[in-house]
């Protein structure tokens, strides 16, 4: 009997790279002329990035700087969940950006149904915060990876634990 091959579809974020992006953003804010004397700041608190600025316009600029640094560090913007802009103390604006880790049930259903609709001979199942894809043929698994890379999902996907 042929042995099944498998791989896992995950959505992971390297928190050290997020920390590096936040530090680079803070450094750039301190060096830029248009932020001299402002209350702009970016801090990482657990899996939340707290962005504070003098007004909505400067907050938007700080978020754009953060996005550029995050992209440079190899993290997808799909892993960032932007909260609404709130008014903070003394007229400043604040926004909380949550970092999405793992595949939730809704996104896992999208991945699984996408694989089923592709007619590739693989089986997919949800396991905790990842999706296990298995099949009898390695070529089918490679086709499934290529198919998922082309798909447009709400989260960034990585492929790990390829077993044959």
N, C-alpha and C. Protein backbone atom coordinates (compact mmCIF):
# COMPACT_ATOMS: atom_id res chain seq x y z
N UNK A 1 0.85 -1.19 0.00
CA UNK A 1 0.00 0.00 0.00
C UNK A 1 0.88 1.24 0.00
N UNK A 2 0.55 2.21 -0.83
CA UNK A 2 1.34 3.43 -0.94
C UNK A 2 1.15 4.30 0.29
N UNK A 3 2.23 4.92 0.69
CA UNK A 3 2.21 5.79 1.86
C UNK A 3 1.81 7.20 1.44
N UNK A 4 0.96 7.86 2.23
CA UNK A 4 0.53 9.22 1.92
C UNK A 4 1.65 10.21 2.20
N UNK A 5 1.72 11.22 1.36
CA UNK A 5 2.62 12.35 1.56
C UNK A 5 1.77 13.51 2.09
N UNK A 6 2.41 14.42 2.81
CA UNK A 6 1.63 15.53 3.34
C UNK A 6 2.50 16.76 3.56
N UNK A 7 1.83 17.90 3.73
CA UNK A 7 2.47 19.14 4.15
C UNK A 7 1.44 19.95 4.93
N UNK A 8 1.91 20.94 5.66
CA UNK A 8 1.04 21.79 6.46
C UNK A 8 1.01 23.19 5.86
N UNK A 9 -0.17 23.77 5.84
CA UNK A 9 -0.34 25.16 5.43
C UNK A 9 -0.52 25.97 6.72
N UNK A 10 0.36 26.93 6.94
CA UNK A 10 0.33 27.73 8.16
C UNK A 10 0.37 29.22 7.80
N UNK A 11 0.10 30.04 8.79
CA UNK A 11 0.25 31.48 8.66
C UNK A 11 1.00 31.95 9.89
N UNK A 12 2.32 32.08 9.74
CA UNK A 12 3.17 32.43 10.87
C UNK A 12 3.81 33.80 10.65
N UNK A 13 4.14 34.44 11.76
CA UNK A 13 4.82 35.73 11.72
C UNK A 13 6.02 35.65 12.66
N UNK A 14 7.19 36.04 12.16
CA UNK A 14 8.39 36.07 12.99
C UNK A 14 8.35 37.34 13.83
N UNK A 15 8.07 37.19 15.13
CA UNK A 15 7.90 38.34 16.00
C UNK A 15 9.20 39.14 16.15
N UNK A 16 10.35 38.52 16.00
CA UNK A 16 11.61 39.26 16.05
C UNK A 16 11.71 40.23 14.88
N UNK A 17 11.23 39.82 13.72
CA UNK A 17 11.23 40.71 12.56
C UNK A 17 10.24 41.86 12.75
N UNK A 18 9.09 41.57 13.39
CA UNK A 18 8.13 42.63 13.70
C UNK A 18 8.76 43.64 14.65
N UNK A 19 9.46 43.14 15.67
CA UNK A 19 10.15 44.01 16.62
C UNK A 19 11.20 44.87 15.91
N UNK A 20 11.95 44.27 14.99
CA UNK A 20 12.94 45.02 14.21
C UNK A 20 12.27 46.11 13.37
N UNK A 21 11.12 45.80 12.75
CA UNK A 21 10.41 46.79 11.95
C UNK A 21 9.92 47.95 12.81
N UNK A 22 9.42 47.63 14.02
CA UNK A 22 8.96 48.68 14.93
C UNK A 22 10.13 49.57 15.35
N UNK A 23 11.27 48.95 15.66
CA UNK A 23 12.46 49.73 16.05
C UNK A 23 12.95 50.61 14.91
N UNK A 24 12.96 50.08 13.69
CA UNK A 24 13.37 50.88 12.54
C UNK A 24 12.41 52.05 12.30
N UNK A 25 11.12 51.81 12.50
CA UNK A 25 10.13 52.87 12.34
C UNK A 25 10.35 53.97 13.37
N UNK A 26 10.60 53.57 14.62
CA UNK A 26 10.86 54.54 15.68
C UNK A 26 12.09 55.37 15.36
N UNK A 27 13.11 54.72 14.86
CA UNK A 27 14.35 55.42 14.51
C UNK A 27 14.10 56.42 13.38
N UNK A 28 13.36 56.01 12.36
CA UNK A 28 13.09 56.92 11.24
C UNK A 28 12.24 58.10 11.68
N UNK A 29 11.27 57.86 12.56
CA UNK A 29 10.42 58.96 13.06
C UNK A 29 11.28 59.98 13.81
N UNK A 30 12.22 59.49 14.60
CA UNK A 30 13.07 60.41 15.37
C UNK A 30 14.01 61.22 14.48
N UNK A 31 14.31 60.73 13.28
CA UNK A 31 15.25 61.41 12.39
C UNK A 31 14.56 62.29 11.36
N UNK A 32 13.28 62.11 11.12
CA UNK A 32 12.61 62.87 10.06
C UNK A 32 12.24 64.27 10.52
N UNK A 33 12.42 65.22 9.62
CA UNK A 33 12.17 66.62 9.92
C UNK A 33 10.69 66.88 10.20
N UNK A 34 9.80 66.25 9.44
CA UNK A 34 8.37 66.51 9.60
C UNK A 34 7.79 65.95 10.90
N UNK A 35 8.56 65.16 11.63
CA UNK A 35 8.10 64.63 12.92
C UNK A 35 8.84 65.27 14.10
N UNK A 36 9.68 66.30 13.85
CA UNK A 36 10.39 66.98 14.93
C UNK A 36 9.38 67.62 15.89
N UNK A 37 9.52 67.34 17.17
CA UNK A 37 8.65 67.94 18.18
C UNK A 37 7.27 67.34 18.26
N UNK A 38 7.01 66.28 17.53
CA UNK A 38 5.69 65.66 17.58
C UNK A 38 5.67 64.53 18.61
N UNK A 39 4.48 64.07 18.90
CA UNK A 39 4.30 63.00 19.88
C UNK A 39 4.14 61.64 19.20
N UNK A 40 4.68 61.49 18.00
CA UNK A 40 4.53 60.25 17.24
C UNK A 40 5.37 59.15 17.88
N UNK A 41 4.75 57.97 18.03
CA UNK A 41 5.48 56.82 18.59
C UNK A 41 4.86 55.52 18.08
N UNK A 42 5.69 54.48 18.08
CA UNK A 42 5.26 53.14 17.71
C UNK A 42 5.81 52.19 18.76
N UNK A 43 4.95 51.38 19.38
CA UNK A 43 5.41 50.42 20.38
C UNK A 43 4.79 49.06 20.10
N UNK A 44 5.54 48.02 20.43
CA UNK A 44 5.06 46.65 20.28
C UNK A 44 4.71 46.13 21.66
N UNK A 45 3.44 45.74 21.84
CA UNK A 45 2.96 45.23 23.12
C UNK A 45 2.34 43.85 22.88
N UNK A 46 3.12 42.80 23.08
CA UNK A 46 2.63 41.45 22.82
C UNK A 46 2.46 41.25 21.33
N UNK A 47 1.20 41.02 20.89
CA UNK A 47 0.93 40.87 19.46
C UNK A 47 0.24 42.10 18.90
N UNK A 48 0.27 43.21 19.64
CA UNK A 48 -0.33 44.46 19.21
C UNK A 48 0.76 45.50 18.96
N UNK A 49 0.58 46.27 17.89
CA UNK A 49 1.45 47.41 17.62
C UNK A 49 0.61 48.65 17.89
N UNK A 50 1.07 49.47 18.81
CA UNK A 50 0.33 50.68 19.17
C UNK A 50 1.00 51.88 18.50
N UNK A 51 0.25 52.57 17.64
CA UNK A 51 0.75 53.72 16.90
C UNK A 51 0.04 54.96 17.43
N UNK A 52 0.83 55.98 17.82
CA UNK A 52 0.29 57.23 18.34
C UNK A 52 0.92 58.38 17.58
N UNK A 53 0.12 59.41 17.28
CA UNK A 53 0.63 60.59 16.58
C UNK A 53 -0.22 61.80 16.96
N UNK A 54 0.24 62.98 16.52
CA UNK A 54 -0.44 64.23 16.87
C UNK A 54 -1.83 64.35 16.26
N UNK A 55 -1.99 63.89 15.04
CA UNK A 55 -3.29 63.97 14.36
C UNK A 55 -3.41 62.81 13.38
N UNK A 56 -4.56 62.74 12.70
CA UNK A 56 -4.83 61.65 11.77
C UNK A 56 -3.83 61.61 10.62
N UNK A 57 -3.45 62.78 10.14
CA UNK A 57 -2.52 62.85 9.00
C UNK A 57 -1.15 62.27 9.37
N UNK A 58 -0.63 62.67 10.53
CA UNK A 58 0.67 62.14 10.96
C UNK A 58 0.56 60.66 11.31
N UNK A 59 -0.58 60.25 11.86
CA UNK A 59 -0.78 58.84 12.16
C UNK A 59 -0.73 58.01 10.88
N UNK A 60 -1.37 58.51 9.84
CA UNK A 60 -1.35 57.82 8.55
C UNK A 60 0.08 57.71 8.02
N UNK A 61 0.87 58.77 8.17
CA UNK A 61 2.26 58.75 7.73
C UNK A 61 3.08 57.74 8.52
N UNK A 62 2.87 57.66 9.83
CA UNK A 62 3.60 56.71 10.67
C UNK A 62 3.24 55.28 10.26
N UNK A 63 1.95 55.03 9.99
CA UNK A 63 1.52 53.69 9.58
C UNK A 63 2.15 53.32 8.24
N UNK A 64 2.26 54.28 7.32
CA UNK A 64 2.90 54.01 6.03
C UNK A 64 4.38 53.67 6.21
N UNK A 65 5.06 54.38 7.10
CA UNK A 65 6.47 54.08 7.39
C UNK A 65 6.57 52.67 7.95
N UNK A 66 5.69 52.33 8.91
CA UNK A 66 5.68 51.00 9.51
C UNK A 66 5.44 49.93 8.45
N UNK A 67 4.50 50.16 7.55
CA UNK A 67 4.21 49.18 6.49
C UNK A 67 5.43 48.96 5.61
N UNK A 68 6.13 50.02 5.27
CA UNK A 68 7.33 49.88 4.45
C UNK A 68 8.39 49.06 5.17
N UNK A 69 8.56 49.29 6.45
CA UNK A 69 9.56 48.54 7.23
C UNK A 69 9.15 47.07 7.38
N UNK A 70 7.86 46.83 7.56
CA UNK A 70 7.36 45.46 7.70
C UNK A 70 7.60 44.68 6.41
N UNK A 71 7.32 45.33 5.27
CA UNK A 71 7.53 44.67 3.98
C UNK A 71 9.02 44.37 3.77
N UNK A 72 9.88 45.32 4.13
CA UNK A 72 11.33 45.09 3.99
C UNK A 72 11.81 43.93 4.83
N UNK A 73 11.16 43.69 5.97
CA UNK A 73 11.55 42.59 6.86
C UNK A 73 10.95 41.26 6.43
N UNK A 74 10.21 41.23 5.31
CA UNK A 74 9.69 39.97 4.78
C UNK A 74 8.39 39.52 5.40
N UNK A 75 7.62 40.45 5.97
CA UNK A 75 6.33 40.11 6.58
C UNK A 75 5.23 40.65 5.68
N UNK A 76 4.23 39.83 5.42
CA UNK A 76 3.13 40.24 4.56
C UNK A 76 2.20 41.20 5.30
N UNK A 77 1.68 42.18 4.57
CA UNK A 77 0.72 43.11 5.16
C UNK A 77 -0.60 42.43 5.47
N UNK A 78 -0.83 41.24 4.91
CA UNK A 78 -2.04 40.49 5.20
C UNK A 78 -2.07 40.02 6.66
N UNK A 79 -0.90 40.00 7.31
CA UNK A 79 -0.83 39.58 8.70
C UNK A 79 -1.11 40.71 9.67
N UNK A 80 -1.39 41.91 9.16
CA UNK A 80 -1.70 43.04 10.02
C UNK A 80 -3.19 43.33 9.97
N UNK A 81 -3.80 43.47 11.14
CA UNK A 81 -5.22 43.77 11.25
C UNK A 81 -5.35 45.15 11.88
N UNK A 82 -5.76 46.13 11.08
CA UNK A 82 -5.79 47.52 11.52
C UNK A 82 -7.07 47.82 12.30
N UNK A 83 -6.90 48.33 13.51
CA UNK A 83 -8.04 48.78 14.29
C UNK A 83 -8.46 50.17 13.84
N UNK A 84 -9.54 50.68 14.41
CA UNK A 84 -9.99 52.01 13.99
C UNK A 84 -9.15 53.08 14.69
N UNK A 85 -9.08 54.23 14.06
CA UNK A 85 -8.32 55.36 14.61
C UNK A 85 -9.17 55.98 15.72
N UNK A 86 -8.55 56.13 16.91
CA UNK A 86 -9.26 56.65 18.07
C UNK A 86 -8.61 57.95 18.52
N UNK A 87 -9.40 58.80 19.13
CA UNK A 87 -8.86 60.01 19.74
C UNK A 87 -8.29 59.64 21.10
N UNK A 88 -7.04 60.03 21.35
CA UNK A 88 -6.38 59.72 22.61
C UNK A 88 -6.28 61.00 23.44
N UNK A 89 -5.53 60.94 24.53
CA UNK A 89 -5.42 62.10 25.43
C UNK A 89 -4.69 63.26 24.75
N UNK A 90 -5.01 64.47 25.18
CA UNK A 90 -4.41 65.75 24.73
C UNK A 90 -4.41 65.90 23.21
N UNK A 91 -5.50 65.48 22.56
CA UNK A 91 -5.68 65.72 21.14
C UNK A 91 -4.90 64.83 20.19
N UNK A 92 -4.28 63.78 20.68
CA UNK A 92 -3.52 62.89 19.80
C UNK A 92 -4.45 61.81 19.24
N UNK A 93 -3.96 61.12 18.20
CA UNK A 93 -4.70 60.01 17.59
C UNK A 93 -3.94 58.71 17.84
N UNK A 94 -4.68 57.63 17.97
CA UNK A 94 -4.07 56.34 18.28
C UNK A 94 -4.73 55.26 17.44
N UNK A 95 -3.93 54.26 17.06
CA UNK A 95 -4.45 53.11 16.32
C UNK A 95 -3.72 51.86 16.82
N UNK A 96 -4.48 50.81 17.03
CA UNK A 96 -3.93 49.52 17.43
C UNK A 96 -3.93 48.61 16.21
N UNK A 97 -2.75 48.03 15.90
CA UNK A 97 -2.62 47.10 14.79
C UNK A 97 -2.32 45.73 15.37
N UNK A 98 -3.23 44.78 15.18
CA UNK A 98 -3.04 43.42 15.70
C UNK A 98 -2.31 42.58 14.66
N UNK A 99 -1.46 41.69 15.15
CA UNK A 99 -0.72 40.79 14.28
C UNK A 99 -1.47 39.46 14.25
N UNK A 100 -1.88 39.04 13.05
CA UNK A 100 -2.63 37.79 12.90
C UNK A 100 -1.64 36.63 12.76
N UNK A 101 -1.80 35.65 13.65
CA UNK A 101 -0.98 34.44 13.60
C UNK A 101 -1.91 33.24 13.54
N UNK A 102 -1.54 32.26 12.76
CA UNK A 102 -2.36 31.05 12.66
C UNK A 102 -3.50 31.24 11.67
N UNK A 103 -4.13 30.14 11.32
CA UNK A 103 -5.25 30.16 10.38
C UNK A 103 -6.52 29.92 11.19
N UNK A 104 -7.41 30.90 11.20
CA UNK A 104 -8.67 30.72 11.91
C UNK A 104 -9.62 29.85 11.07
N UNK A 105 -10.74 29.46 11.67
CA UNK A 105 -11.63 28.50 11.01
C UNK A 105 -12.19 29.03 9.70
N UNK A 106 -12.52 30.31 9.65
CA UNK A 106 -13.09 30.88 8.42
C UNK A 106 -12.09 30.82 7.27
N UNK A 107 -10.86 31.23 7.53
CA UNK A 107 -9.83 31.19 6.49
C UNK A 107 -9.45 29.75 6.14
N UNK A 108 -9.47 28.85 7.12
CA UNK A 108 -9.18 27.44 6.86
C UNK A 108 -10.25 26.84 5.94
N UNK A 109 -11.51 27.21 6.16
CA UNK A 109 -12.58 26.73 5.27
C UNK A 109 -12.36 27.22 3.85
N UNK A 110 -11.88 28.48 3.71
CA UNK A 110 -11.59 29.00 2.37
C UNK A 110 -10.50 28.20 1.68
N UNK A 111 -9.43 27.89 2.43
CA UNK A 111 -8.31 27.12 1.87
C UNK A 111 -8.77 25.72 1.47
N UNK A 112 -9.50 25.07 2.36
CA UNK A 112 -9.96 23.70 2.11
C UNK A 112 -10.93 23.65 0.92
N UNK A 113 -11.88 24.58 0.88
CA UNK A 113 -12.83 24.57 -0.23
C UNK A 113 -12.15 24.94 -1.54
N UNK A 114 -11.14 25.79 -1.49
CA UNK A 114 -10.39 26.14 -2.69
C UNK A 114 -9.67 24.91 -3.24
N UNK A 115 -9.07 24.12 -2.34
CA UNK A 115 -8.39 22.89 -2.78
C UNK A 115 -9.39 21.89 -3.35
N UNK A 116 -10.57 21.77 -2.74
CA UNK A 116 -11.57 20.83 -3.25
C UNK A 116 -12.06 21.25 -4.63
N UNK A 117 -12.23 22.56 -4.83
CA UNK A 117 -12.70 23.07 -6.12
C UNK A 117 -11.65 22.96 -7.21
N UNK A 118 -10.38 22.80 -6.82
CA UNK A 118 -9.29 22.74 -7.81
C UNK A 118 -9.23 21.39 -8.52
N UNK A 119 -9.90 20.38 -7.99
CA UNK A 119 -9.92 19.02 -8.56
C UNK A 119 -8.54 18.33 -8.49
N UNK A 120 -7.64 18.85 -7.63
CA UNK A 120 -6.36 18.18 -7.40
C UNK A 120 -6.64 17.05 -6.41
N UNK A 121 -6.04 15.90 -6.63
CA UNK A 121 -6.33 14.72 -5.82
C UNK A 121 -5.60 14.77 -4.48
N UNK A 122 -6.04 15.67 -3.60
CA UNK A 122 -5.50 15.80 -2.26
C UNK A 122 -6.64 15.94 -1.26
N UNK A 123 -6.36 15.61 -0.01
CA UNK A 123 -7.33 15.80 1.06
C UNK A 123 -6.78 16.88 1.99
N UNK A 124 -7.64 17.75 2.47
CA UNK A 124 -7.23 18.82 3.39
C UNK A 124 -8.10 18.76 4.64
N UNK A 125 -7.47 18.97 5.78
CA UNK A 125 -8.22 18.98 7.03
C UNK A 125 -7.63 20.01 7.98
N UNK A 126 -8.49 20.59 8.81
CA UNK A 126 -8.08 21.60 9.78
C UNK A 126 -7.51 20.92 11.01
N UNK A 127 -6.32 21.36 11.41
CA UNK A 127 -5.68 20.84 12.63
C UNK A 127 -5.20 22.04 13.44
N UNK A 128 -5.90 22.36 14.54
CA UNK A 128 -5.61 23.52 15.38
C UNK A 128 -5.62 24.80 14.54
N UNK A 129 -4.45 25.43 14.36
CA UNK A 129 -4.40 26.67 13.59
C UNK A 129 -3.63 26.49 12.28
N UNK A 130 -3.70 25.28 11.73
CA UNK A 130 -3.06 24.99 10.45
C UNK A 130 -3.92 24.01 9.66
N UNK A 131 -3.62 23.88 8.38
CA UNK A 131 -4.35 22.96 7.51
C UNK A 131 -3.37 21.90 7.02
N UNK A 132 -3.69 20.63 7.24
CA UNK A 132 -2.87 19.52 6.78
C UNK A 132 -3.40 19.06 5.44
N UNK A 133 -2.53 19.02 4.45
CA UNK A 133 -2.89 18.57 3.11
C UNK A 133 -2.14 17.28 2.84
N UNK A 134 -2.86 16.24 2.45
CA UNK A 134 -2.22 14.95 2.19
C UNK A 134 -2.71 14.37 0.87
N UNK A 135 -1.87 13.56 0.30
CA UNK A 135 -2.20 12.91 -0.97
C UNK A 135 -1.25 11.77 -1.24
N UNK A 136 -1.58 10.94 -2.21
CA UNK A 136 -0.75 9.78 -2.51
C UNK A 136 0.44 10.12 -3.38
N UNK A 137 0.37 11.23 -4.09
CA UNK A 137 1.39 11.57 -5.08
C UNK A 137 2.06 12.90 -4.72
N UNK A 138 3.39 12.93 -4.75
CA UNK A 138 4.13 14.16 -4.45
C UNK A 138 3.80 15.26 -5.46
N UNK A 139 3.60 14.87 -6.71
CA UNK A 139 3.30 15.85 -7.74
C UNK A 139 1.97 16.56 -7.46
N UNK A 140 1.00 15.81 -6.95
CA UNK A 140 -0.28 16.43 -6.59
C UNK A 140 -0.09 17.46 -5.48
N UNK A 141 0.77 17.14 -4.50
CA UNK A 141 1.04 18.09 -3.42
C UNK A 141 1.73 19.34 -3.94
N UNK A 142 2.67 19.15 -4.86
CA UNK A 142 3.35 20.31 -5.44
C UNK A 142 2.38 21.17 -6.25
N UNK A 143 1.46 20.52 -6.94
CA UNK A 143 0.42 21.26 -7.67
C UNK A 143 -0.49 22.01 -6.70
N UNK A 144 -0.79 21.39 -5.56
CA UNK A 144 -1.63 22.05 -4.55
C UNK A 144 -0.92 23.28 -3.99
N UNK A 145 0.38 23.18 -3.74
CA UNK A 145 1.13 24.34 -3.24
C UNK A 145 1.12 25.46 -4.28
N UNK A 146 1.38 25.11 -5.54
CA UNK A 146 1.36 26.11 -6.61
C UNK A 146 -0.02 26.75 -6.73
N UNK A 147 -1.07 25.94 -6.60
CA UNK A 147 -2.44 26.46 -6.69
C UNK A 147 -2.73 27.43 -5.54
N UNK A 148 -2.31 27.06 -4.32
CA UNK A 148 -2.56 27.92 -3.16
C UNK A 148 -1.74 29.22 -3.23
N UNK A 149 -0.55 29.14 -3.81
CA UNK A 149 0.27 30.36 -3.95
C UNK A 149 -0.39 31.35 -4.89
N UNK A 150 -1.11 30.84 -5.89
CA UNK A 150 -1.80 31.72 -6.84
C UNK A 150 -3.09 32.29 -6.26
N UNK A 151 -3.64 31.62 -5.26
CA UNK A 151 -4.92 32.05 -4.69
C UNK A 151 -4.79 33.34 -3.90
N UNK A 152 -5.90 34.05 -3.78
CA UNK A 152 -5.94 35.30 -3.04
C UNK A 152 -6.72 35.07 -1.75
N UNK A 153 -5.99 34.88 -0.66
CA UNK A 153 -6.62 34.63 0.63
C UNK A 153 -6.43 35.85 1.52
N UNK A 154 -7.19 35.93 2.59
CA UNK A 154 -7.13 37.07 3.49
C UNK A 154 -5.90 37.04 4.39
N UNK A 155 -5.17 35.94 4.37
CA UNK A 155 -3.96 35.80 5.20
C UNK A 155 -2.80 35.33 4.33
N UNK A 156 -1.60 35.54 4.81
CA UNK A 156 -0.41 35.06 4.11
C UNK A 156 -0.22 33.59 4.48
N UNK A 157 0.10 32.76 3.49
CA UNK A 157 0.26 31.33 3.72
C UNK A 157 1.71 30.92 3.55
N UNK A 158 2.15 30.01 4.42
CA UNK A 158 3.45 29.36 4.27
C UNK A 158 3.22 27.85 4.28
N UNK A 159 4.18 27.13 3.67
CA UNK A 159 4.05 25.68 3.53
C UNK A 159 5.22 25.03 4.25
N UNK A 160 4.93 24.19 5.24
CA UNK A 160 5.97 23.58 6.06
C UNK A 160 5.70 22.09 6.22
N UNK A 161 6.67 21.39 6.81
CA UNK A 161 6.55 19.96 7.15
C UNK A 161 6.19 19.08 5.96
N UNK A 162 6.88 19.27 4.86
CA UNK A 162 6.62 18.43 3.69
C UNK A 162 7.17 17.03 3.98
N UNK A 163 6.28 16.05 4.02
CA UNK A 163 6.66 14.68 4.36
C UNK A 163 6.31 13.75 3.21
N UNK A 164 7.24 12.83 2.94
CA UNK A 164 6.94 11.87 1.89
C UNK A 164 7.09 10.45 2.41
